[in-house]
PDB file of N, CA and C in Angstrom:
ATOM      1  N   MET A   1      -1.920  -2.647   7.847  1.00  0.00           N
ATOM      2  CA  MET A   1      -1.435  -1.289   7.746  1.00  0.00           C
ATOM      3  C   MET A   1      -0.266  -1.262   6.780  1.00  0.00           C
ATOM      4  N   ARG A   2      -0.202  -0.225   5.999  1.00  0.00           N
ATOM      5  CA  ARG A   2       0.892  -0.036   5.047  1.00  0.00           C
ATOM      6  C   ARG A   2       1.439   1.368   5.254  1.00  0.00           C
ATOM      7  N   VAL A   3       2.762   1.500   5.353  1.00  0.00           N
ATOM      8  CA  VAL A   3       3.389   2.812   5.483  1.00  0.00           C
ATOM      9  C   VAL A   3       4.249   3.041   4.256  1.00  0.00           C
ATOM     10  N   ALA A   4       4.076   4.197   3.612  1.00  0.00           N
ATOM     11  CA  ALA A   4       4.828   4.507   2.386  1.00  0.00           C
ATOM     12  C   ALA A   4       5.527   5.852   2.546  1.00  0.00           C
ATOM     13  N   ARG A   5       6.737   5.966   2.003  1.00  0.00           N
ATOM     14  CA  ARG A   5       7.470   7.234   1.995  1.00  0.00           C
ATOM     15  C   ARG A   5       6.997   8.050   0.806  1.00  0.00           C
ATOM     16  N   ARG A   6       6.872   9.342   1.010  1.00  0.00           N
ATOM     17  CA  ARG A   6       6.490  10.222  -0.080  1.00  0.00           C
ATOM     18  C   ARG A   6       7.756  10.645  -0.816  1.00  0.00           C
ATOM     19  N   MET A   7       7.731  10.531  -2.138  1.00  0.00           N
ATOM     20  CA  MET A   7       8.904  10.901  -2.922  1.00  0.00           C
ATOM     21  C   MET A   7       8.488  11.637  -4.176  1.00  0.00           C
ATOM     22  N   GLN A   8       9.456  12.304  -4.754  1.00  0.00           N
ATOM     23  CA  GLN A   8       9.253  13.011  -6.019  1.00  0.00           C
ATOM     24  C   GLN A   8      10.260  12.443  -7.005  1.00  0.00           C
ATOM     25  N   ARG A   9       9.804  12.130  -8.194  1.00  0.00           N
ATOM     26  CA  ARG A   9      10.687  11.535  -9.197  1.00  0.00           C
ATOM     27  C   ARG A   9      10.578  12.326 -10.489  1.00  0.00           C
ATOM     28  N   THR A  10      11.725  12.732 -11.027  1.00  0.00           N
ATOM     29  CA  THR A  10      11.771  13.469 -12.280  1.00  0.00           C
ATOM     30  C   THR A  10      12.542  12.647 -13.294  1.00  0.00           C
ATOM     31  N   ILE A  11      11.915  12.338 -14.412  1.00  0.00           N
ATOM     32  CA  ILE A  11      12.561  11.586 -15.489  1.00  0.00           C
ATOM     33  C   ILE A  11      12.609  12.486 -16.711  1.00  0.00           C
ATOM     34  N   ILE A  12      13.803  12.669 -17.255  1.00  0.00           N
ATOM     35  CA  ILE A  12      13.977  13.523 -18.427  1.00  0.00           C
ATOM     36  C   ILE A  12      14.250  12.634 -19.627  1.00  0.00           C
ATOM     37  N   ARG A  13      13.400  12.726 -20.638  1.00  0.00           N
ATOM     38  CA  ARG A  13      13.566  11.895 -21.836  1.00  0.00           C
ATOM     39  C   ARG A  13      14.878  12.224 -22.535  1.00  0.00           C
ATOM     40  N   GLY A  14      15.526  11.179 -23.026  1.00  0.00           N
ATOM     41  CA  GLY A  14      16.756  11.367 -23.791  1.00  0.00           C
ATOM     42  C   GLY A  14      18.007  11.456 -22.932  1.00  0.00           C
ATOM     43  N   GLN A  15      17.849  11.385 -21.616  1.00  0.00           N
ATOM     44  CA  GLN A  15      19.010  11.420 -20.732  1.00  0.00           C
ATOM     45  C   GLN A  15      18.992  10.170 -19.870  1.00  0.00           C
ATOM     46  N   GLU A  16      20.166   9.781 -19.408  1.00  0.00           N
ATOM     47  CA  GLU A  16      20.248   8.590 -18.572  1.00  0.00           C
ATOM     48  C   GLU A  16      19.803   8.901 -17.151  1.00  0.00           C
ATOM     49  N   GLY A  17      19.184   7.922 -16.530  1.00  0.00           N
ATOM     50  CA  GLY A  17      18.815   8.042 -15.125  1.00  0.00           C
ATOM     51  C   GLY A  17      17.650   8.973 -14.878  1.00  0.00           C
ATOM     52  N   ASP A  18      17.464   9.268 -13.625  1.00  0.00           N
ATOM     53  CA  ASP A  18      16.405  10.170 -13.202  1.00  0.00           C
ATOM     54  C   ASP A  18      16.809  10.798 -11.875  1.00  0.00           C
ATOM     55  N   ASP A  19      16.063  11.791 -11.462  1.00  0.00           N
ATOM     56  CA  ASP A  19      16.278  12.421 -10.161  1.00  0.00           C
ATOM     57  C   ASP A  19      15.202  11.923  -9.219  1.00  0.00           C
ATOM     58  N   LEU A  20      15.612  11.339  -8.110  1.00  0.00           N
ATOM     59  CA  LEU A  20      14.682  10.818  -7.120  1.00  0.00           C
ATOM     60  C   LEU A  20      14.918  11.575  -5.820  1.00  0.00           C
ATOM     61  N   LEU A  21      13.891  12.244  -5.317  1.00  0.00           N
ATOM     62  CA  LEU A  21      14.000  13.050  -4.110  1.00  0.00           C
ATOM     63  C   LEU A  21      13.086  12.471  -3.041  1.00  0.00           C
ATOM     64  N   ASP A  22      13.674  12.075  -1.908  1.00  0.00           N
ATOM     65  CA  ASP A  22      12.894  11.597  -0.769  1.00  0.00           C
ATOM     66  C   ASP A  22      12.415  12.821   0.000  1.00  0.00           C
ATOM     67  N   GLU A  23      11.103  13.024   0.053  1.00  0.00           N
ATOM     68  CA  GLU A  23      10.557  14.200   0.724  1.00  0.00           C
ATOM     69  C   GLU A  23      10.541  14.053   2.237  1.00  0.00           C
ATOM     70  N   GLY A  24      10.905  12.866   2.737  1.00  0.00           N
ATOM     71  CA  GLY A  24      11.045  12.673   4.173  1.00  0.00           C
ATOM     72  C   GLY A  24       9.756  12.462   4.946  1.00  0.00           C
ATOM     73  N   ALA A  25       8.627  12.492   4.281  1.00  0.00           N
ATOM     74  CA  ALA A  25       7.351  12.307   4.972  1.00  0.00           C
ATOM     75  C   ALA A  25       6.833  10.898   4.723  1.00  0.00           C
ATOM     76  N   GLU A  26       6.053  10.425   5.647  1.00  0.00           N
ATOM     77  CA  GLU A  26       5.455   9.103   5.510  1.00  0.00           C
ATOM     78  C   GLU A  26       3.941   9.247   5.507  1.00  0.00           C
ATOM     79  N   SER A  27       3.285   8.311   4.873  1.00  0.00           N
ATOM     80  CA  SER A  27       1.832   8.236   4.926  1.00  0.00           C
ATOM     81  C   SER A  27       1.461   6.835   5.375  1.00  0.00           C
ATOM     82  N   ALA A  28       0.735   6.740   6.475  1.00  0.00           N
ATOM     83  CA  ALA A  28       0.226   5.453   6.930  1.00  0.00           C
ATOM     84  C   ALA A  28      -1.122   5.238   6.260  1.00  0.00           C
ATOM     85  N   ILE A  29      -1.301   4.054   5.699  1.00  0.00           N
ATOM     86  CA  ILE A  29      -2.534   3.723   4.992  1.00  0.00           C
ATOM     87  C   ILE A  29      -3.176   2.535   5.703  1.00  0.00           C
ATOM     88  N   TYR A  30      -4.397   2.714   6.154  1.00  0.00           N
ATOM     89  CA  TYR A  30      -5.126   1.668   6.858  1.00  0.00           C
ATOM     90  C   TYR A  30      -6.265   1.189   5.972  1.00  0.00           C
ATOM     91  N   THR A  31      -6.349  -0.125   5.768  1.00  0.00           N
ATOM     92  CA  THR A  31      -7.464  -0.723   5.046  1.00  0.00           C
ATOM     93  C   THR A  31      -8.316  -1.467   6.064  1.00  0.00           C
ATOM     94  N   VAL A  32      -9.564  -1.063   6.188  1.00  0.00           N
ATOM     95  CA  VAL A  32     -10.481  -1.635   7.169  1.00  0.00           C
ATOM     96  C   VAL A  32     -11.575  -2.369   6.405  1.00  0.00           C
ATOM     97  N   THR A  33     -11.772  -3.647   6.734  1.00  0.00           N
ATOM     98  CA  THR A  33     -12.804  -4.443   6.066  1.00  0.00           C
ATOM     99  C   THR A  33     -13.729  -5.062   7.107  1.00  0.00           C
ATOM    100  N   GLY A  34     -14.922  -5.406   6.676  1.00  0.00           N
ATOM    101  CA  GLY A  34     -15.863  -6.051   7.572  1.00  0.00           C
ATOM    102  C   GLY A  34     -17.240  -6.115   6.956  1.00  0.00           C
ATOM    103  N   ASN A  35     -18.238  -6.190   7.837  1.00  0.00           N
ATOM    104  CA  ASN A  35     -19.615  -6.315   7.401  1.00  0.00           C
ATOM    105  C   ASN A  35     -20.481  -5.426   8.289  1.00  0.00           C
ATOM    106  N   MET A  36     -21.400  -4.679   7.685  1.00  0.00           N
ATOM    107  CA  MET A  36     -22.301  -3.810   8.452  1.00  0.00           C
ATOM    108  C   MET A  36     -23.612  -3.644   7.707  1.00  0.00           C
ATOM    109  N   GLY A  37     -24.616  -3.259   8.450  1.00  0.00           N
ATOM    110  CA  GLY A  37     -25.927  -2.995   7.870  1.00  0.00           C
ATOM    111  C   GLY A  37     -25.971  -1.635   7.191  1.00  0.00           C
ATOM    112  N   MET A  38     -27.032  -1.407   6.440  1.00  0.00           N
ATOM    113  CA  MET A  38     -27.181  -0.170   5.676  1.00  0.00           C
ATOM    114  C   MET A  38     -27.217   1.061   6.578  1.00  0.00           C
ATOM    115  N   SER A  39     -27.890   1.010   7.723  1.00  0.00           N
ATOM    116  CA  SER A  39     -27.967   2.194   8.593  1.00  0.00           C
ATOM    117  C   SER A  39     -26.590   2.569   9.140  1.00  0.00           C
ATOM    118  N   ASP A  40     -25.779   1.570   9.492  1.00  0.00           N
ATOM    119  CA  ASP A  40     -24.407   1.851   9.941  1.00  0.00           C
ATOM    120  C   ASP A  40     -23.583   2.441   8.804  1.00  0.00           C
ATOM    121  N   TYR A  41     -23.744   1.892   7.610  1.00  0.00           N
ATOM    122  CA  TYR A  41     -23.011   2.416   6.453  1.00  0.00           C
ATOM    123  C   TYR A  41     -23.384   3.875   6.188  1.00  0.00           C
ATOM    124  N   GLN A  42     -24.659   4.203   6.299  1.00  0.00           N
ATOM    125  CA  GLN A  42     -25.089   5.582   6.072  1.00  0.00           C
ATOM    126  C   GLN A  42     -24.468   6.529   7.100  1.00  0.00           C
ATOM    127  N   SER A  43     -24.287   6.065   8.336  1.00  0.00           N
ATOM    128  CA  SER A  43     -23.603   6.874   9.358  1.00  0.00           C
ATOM    129  C   SER A  43     -22.148   7.108   8.979  1.00  0.00           C
ATOM    130  N   VAL A  44     -21.475   6.063   8.496  1.00  0.00           N
ATOM    131  CA  VAL A  44     -20.080   6.197   8.064  1.00  0.00           C
ATOM    132  C   VAL A  44     -19.992   7.122   6.858  1.00  0.00           C
ATOM    133  N   LEU A  45     -20.938   7.020   5.952  1.00  0.00           N
ATOM    134  CA  LEU A  45     -20.946   7.866   4.759  1.00  0.00           C
ATOM    135  C   LEU A  45     -21.063   9.351   5.127  1.00  0.00           C
ATOM    136  N   ARG A  46     -21.845   9.655   6.170  1.00  0.00           N
ATOM    137  CA  ARG A  46     -21.935  11.050   6.641  1.00  0.00           C
ATOM    138  C   ARG A  46     -20.572  11.534   7.139  1.00  0.00           C
ATOM    139  N   ILE A  47     -19.851  10.691   7.874  1.00  0.00           N
ATOM    140  CA  ILE A  47     -18.499  11.043   8.342  1.00  0.00           C
ATOM    141  C   ILE A  47     -17.582  11.248   7.149  1.00  0.00           C
ATOM    142  N   PHE A  48     -17.671  10.366   6.157  1.00  0.00           N
ATOM    143  CA  PHE A  48     -16.858  10.445   4.939  1.00  0.00           C
ATOM    144  C   PHE A  48     -17.046  11.789   4.243  1.00  0.00           C
ATOM    145  N   ARG A  49     -18.257  12.273   4.208  1.00  0.00           N
ATOM    146  CA  ARG A  49     -18.563  13.517   3.487  1.00  0.00           C
ATOM    147  C   ARG A  49     -18.294  14.776   4.307  1.00  0.00           C
ATOM    148  N   GLN A  50     -18.129  14.640   5.626  1.00  0.00           N
ATOM    149  CA  GLN A  50     -17.937  15.808   6.480  1.00  0.00           C
ATOM    150  C   GLN A  50     -16.497  16.295   6.535  1.00  0.00           C
ATOM    151  N   GLY A  51     -15.526  15.475   6.259  1.00  0.00           N
ATOM    152  CA  GLY A  51     -14.140  15.939   6.350  1.00  0.00           C
ATOM    153  C   GLY A  51     -13.249  14.939   7.040  1.00  0.00           C
ATOM    154  N   GLN A  52     -12.403  15.444   7.934  1.00  0.00           N
ATOM    155  CA  GLN A  52     -11.398  14.602   8.564  1.00  0.00           C
ATOM    156  C   GLN A  52     -11.849  14.097   9.930  1.00  0.00           C
ATOM    157  N   PRO A  53     -12.097  12.799  10.062  1.00  0.00           N
ATOM    158  CA  PRO A  53     -12.443  12.240  11.369  1.00  0.00           C
ATOM    159  C   PRO A  53     -11.189  11.872  12.168  1.00  0.00           C
ATOM    160  N   TRP A  54     -11.384  11.623  13.445  1.00  0.00           N
ATOM    161  CA  TRP A  54     -10.324  11.081  14.295  1.00  0.00           C
ATOM    162  C   TRP A  54     -10.457   9.568  14.299  1.00  0.00           C
ATOM    163  N   PHE A  55      -9.345   8.873  14.378  1.00  0.00           N
ATOM    164  CA  PHE A  55      -9.291   7.417  14.290  1.00  0.00           C
ATOM    165  C   PHE A  55      -8.354   6.925  15.379  1.00  0.00           C
ATOM    166  N   HIS A  56      -8.694   5.817  16.033  1.00  0.00           N
ATOM    167  CA  HIS A  56      -7.813   5.239  17.047  1.00  0.00           C
ATOM    168  C   HIS A  56      -6.862   4.257  16.378  1.00  0.00           C
ATOM    169  N   ASP A  57      -5.557   4.522  16.463  1.00  0.00           N
ATOM    170  CA  ASP A  57      -4.537   3.635  15.891  1.00  0.00           C
ATOM    171  C   ASP A  57      -4.331   2.465  16.847  1.00  0.00           C
ATOM    172  N   PRO A  58      -4.751   1.252  16.466  1.00  0.00           N
ATOM    173  CA  PRO A  58      -4.627   0.115  17.368  1.00  0.00           C
ATOM    174  C   PRO A  58      -3.187  -0.375  17.539  1.00  0.00           C
ATOM    175  N   PHE A  59      -2.296   0.002  16.637  1.00  0.00           N
ATOM    176  CA  PHE A  59      -0.913  -0.458  16.706  1.00  0.00           C
ATOM    177  C   PHE A  59      -0.083   0.373  17.678  1.00  0.00           C
ATOM    178  N   GLU A  60      -0.379   1.678  17.764  1.00  0.00           N
ATOM    179  CA  GLU A  60       0.395   2.571  18.626  1.00  0.00           C
ATOM    180  C   GLU A  60      -0.447   3.154  19.758  1.00  0.00           C
ATOM    181  N   ASP A  61      -1.712   2.723  19.897  1.00  0.00           N
ATOM    182  CA  ASP A  61      -2.620   3.161  20.945  1.00  0.00           C
ATOM    183  C   ASP A  61      -2.640   4.682  21.080  1.00  0.00           C
ATOM    184  N   ARG A  62      -3.036   5.354  19.996  1.00  0.00           N
ATOM    185  CA  ARG A  62      -3.095   6.819  19.981  1.00  0.00           C
ATOM    186  C   ARG A  62      -4.218   7.270  19.059  1.00  0.00           C
ATOM    187  N   GLN A  63      -4.633   8.513  19.219  1.00  0.00           N
ATOM    188  CA  GLN A  63      -5.629   9.119  18.349  1.00  0.00           C
ATOM    189  C   GLN A  63      -4.916   9.849  17.217  1.00  0.00           C
ATOM    190  N   MET A  64      -5.483   9.810  16.025  1.00  0.00           N
ATOM    191  CA  MET A  64      -4.870  10.491  14.884  1.00  0.00           C
ATOM    192  C   MET A  64      -5.960  10.993  13.954  1.00  0.00           C
ATOM    193  N   LYS A  65      -5.613  12.021  13.202  1.00  0.00           N
ATOM    194  CA  LYS A  65      -6.531  12.581  12.217  1.00  0.00           C
ATOM    195  C   LYS A  65      -6.274  11.892  10.885  1.00  0.00           C
ATOM    196  N   VAL A  66      -7.334  11.454  10.223  1.00  0.00           N
ATOM    197  CA  VAL A  66      -7.206  10.722   8.961  1.00  0.00           C
ATOM    198  C   VAL A  66      -8.187  11.297   7.941  1.00  0.00           C
ATOM    199  N   ILE A  67      -8.038  10.849   6.712  1.00  0.00           N
ATOM    200  CA  ILE A  67      -9.057  11.096   5.696  1.00  0.00           C
ATOM    201  C   ILE A  67      -9.482   9.750   5.135  1.00  0.00           C
ATOM    202  N   PHE A  68     -10.729   9.661   4.736  1.00  0.00           N
ATOM    203  CA  PHE A  68     -11.193   8.488   4.007  1.00  0.00           C
ATOM    204  C   PHE A  68     -10.734   8.664   2.568  1.00  0.00           C
ATOM    205  N   SER A  69      -9.850   7.800   2.119  1.00  0.00           N
ATOM    206  CA  SER A  69      -9.400   7.852   0.731  1.00  0.00           C
ATOM    207  C   SER A  69     -10.448   7.217  -0.174  1.00  0.00           C
ATOM    208  N   THR A  70     -10.896   6.015   0.204  1.00  0.00           N
ATOM    209  CA  THR A  70     -11.950   5.334  -0.559  1.00  0.00           C
ATOM    210  C   THR A  70     -12.898   4.624   0.394  1.00  0.00           C
ATOM    211  N   ILE A  71     -14.086   4.414  -0.100  1.00  0.00           N
ATOM    212  CA  ILE A  71     -15.119   3.703   0.633  1.00  0.00           C
ATOM    213  C   ILE A  71     -15.816   2.775  -0.369  1.00  0.00           C
ATOM    214  N   ASP A  72     -15.865   1.497  -0.071  1.00  0.00           N
ATOM    215  CA  ASP A  72     -16.580   0.526  -0.909  1.00  0.00           C
ATOM    216  C   ASP A  72     -17.584  -0.202  -0.024  1.00  0.00           C
ATOM    217  N   TYR A  73     -18.808  -0.337  -0.515  1.00  0.00           N
ATOM    218  CA  TYR A  73     -19.850  -1.021   0.249  1.00  0.00           C
ATOM    219  C   TYR A  73     -20.732  -1.810  -0.701  1.00  0.00           C
ATOM    220  N   ASP A  74     -20.954  -3.078  -0.371  1.00  0.00           N
ATOM    221  CA  ASP A  74     -21.838  -3.944  -1.151  1.00  0.00           C
ATOM    222  C   ASP A  74     -23.143  -4.078  -0.368  1.00  0.00           C
ATOM    223  N   SER A  75     -24.188  -3.409  -0.826  1.00  0.00           N
ATOM    224  CA  SER A  75     -25.451  -3.404  -0.085  1.00  0.00           C
ATOM    225  C   SER A  75     -26.124  -4.778  -0.063  1.00  0.00           C
ATOM    226  N   ALA A  76     -25.797  -5.639  -1.017  1.00  0.00           N
ATOM    227  CA  ALA A  76     -26.402  -6.975  -1.049  1.00  0.00           C
ATOM    228  C   ALA A  76     -25.857  -7.859   0.076  1.00  0.00           C
ATOM    229  N   THR A  77     -24.565  -7.712   0.393  1.00  0.00           N
ATOM    230  CA  THR A  77     -23.938  -8.570   1.405  1.00  0.00           C
ATOM    231  C   THR A  77     -23.594  -7.828   2.696  1.00  0.00           C
ATOM    232  N   GLY A  78     -23.476  -6.493   2.628  1.00  0.00           N
ATOM    233  CA  GLY A  78     -23.055  -5.707   3.789  1.00  0.00           C
ATOM    234  C   GLY A  78     -21.550  -5.615   3.941  1.00  0.00           C
ATOM    235  N   ASP A  79     -20.810  -6.220   3.013  1.00  0.00           N
ATOM    236  CA  ASP A  79     -19.345  -6.170   3.082  1.00  0.00           C
ATOM    237  C   ASP A  79     -18.852  -4.773   2.722  1.00  0.00           C
ATOM    238  N   TYR A  80     -17.814  -4.322   3.439  1.00  0.00           N
ATOM    239  CA  TYR A  80     -17.259  -3.003   3.155  1.00  0.00           C
ATOM    240  C   TYR A  80     -15.735  -3.034   3.191  1.00  0.00           C
ATOM    241  N   GLU A  81     -15.152  -2.031   2.555  1.00  0.00           N
ATOM    242  CA  GLU A  81     -13.715  -1.781   2.643  1.00  0.00           C
ATOM    243  C   GLU A  81     -13.519  -0.271   2.659  1.00  0.00           C
ATOM    244  N   PHE A  82     -12.846   0.212   3.696  1.00  0.00           N
ATOM    245  CA  PHE A  82     -12.510   1.627   3.817  1.00  0.00           C
ATOM    246  C   PHE A  82     -10.998   1.752   3.780  1.00  0.00           C
ATOM    247  N   VAL A  83     -10.494   2.735   3.061  1.00  0.00           N
ATOM    248  CA  VAL A  83      -9.066   3.035   3.059  1.00  0.00           C
ATOM    249  C   VAL A  83      -8.899   4.408   3.698  1.00  0.00           C
ATOM    250  N   LEU A  84      -8.176   4.435   4.831  1.00  0.00           N
ATOM    251  CA  LEU A  84      -7.930   5.659   5.586  1.00  0.00           C
ATOM    252  C   LEU A  84      -6.459   6.031   5.456  1.00  0.00           C
ATOM    253  N   VAL A  85      -6.174   7.318   5.284  1.00  0.00           N
ATOM    254  CA  VAL A  85      -4.795   7.780   5.111  1.00  0.00           C
ATOM    255  C   VAL A  85      -4.487   8.815   6.180  1.00  0.00           C
ATOM    256  N   GLU A  86      -3.331   8.639   6.842  1.00  0.00           N
ATOM    257  CA  GLU A  86      -2.844   9.613   7.817  1.00  0.00           C
ATOM    258  C   GLU A  86      -1.503  10.134   7.344  1.00  0.00           C
ATOM    259  N   ASP A  87      -1.319  11.444   7.401  1.00  0.00           N
ATOM    260  CA  ASP A  87      -0.002  12.012   7.136  1.00  0.00           C
ATOM    261  C   ASP A  87       0.777  12.042   8.437  1.00  0.00           C
ATOM    262  N   ILE A  88       2.012  11.564   8.381  1.00  0.00           N
ATOM    263  CA  ILE A  88       2.868  11.499   9.558  1.00  0.00           C
ATOM    264  C   ILE A  88       4.000  12.492   9.396  1.00  0.00           C
ATOM    265  N   ASP A  89       4.194  13.328  10.390  1.00  0.00           N
ATOM    266  CA  ASP A  89       5.333  14.239  10.409  1.00  0.00           C
ATOM    267  C   ASP A  89       6.461  13.532  11.151  1.00  0.00           C
ATOM    268  N   PRO A  90       7.594  13.237  10.480  1.00  0.00           N
ATOM    269  CA  PRO A  90       8.669  12.491  11.138  1.00  0.00           C
ATOM    270  C   PRO A  90       9.222  13.205  12.368  1.00  0.00           C
ATOM    271  N   GLU A  91       9.047  14.517  12.480  1.00  0.00           N
ATOM    272  CA  GLU A  91       9.554  15.250  13.637  1.00  0.00           C
ATOM    273  C   GLU A  91       8.654  15.080  14.850  1.00  0.00           C
ATOM    274  N   ASP A  92       7.403  14.619  14.640  1.00  0.00           N
ATOM    275  CA  ASP A  92       6.494  14.377  15.762  1.00  0.00           C
ATOM    276  C   ASP A  92       6.808  13.067  16.466  1.00  0.00           C
ATOM    277  N   GLY A  93       7.403  12.108  15.721  1.00  0.00           N
ATOM    278  CA  GLY A  93       7.632  10.784  16.282  1.00  0.00           C
ATOM    279  C   GLY A  93       8.831  10.748  17.112  1.00  0.00           C
TER     280      GLY A  93
END
């Protein structure tokens, strides 16, 4: 799992420094890897195309809404990698 802070950065050419604004929000990024057959992959692909699924966070034992950022699948080996992103509201925690 990787957690990143969302920020905005403005760089103006010809001037020293830049403006860096911490937007105060975090995004948790989950990378899930493994191996599955084609029929299981097709089921996941339907979820990917439908919108936002619910995901069980194994680190905090809670349900959360995520989006599939990327999906990679090798049909020859069955290996896959999914990247799921959750937006976290710091006021909820």
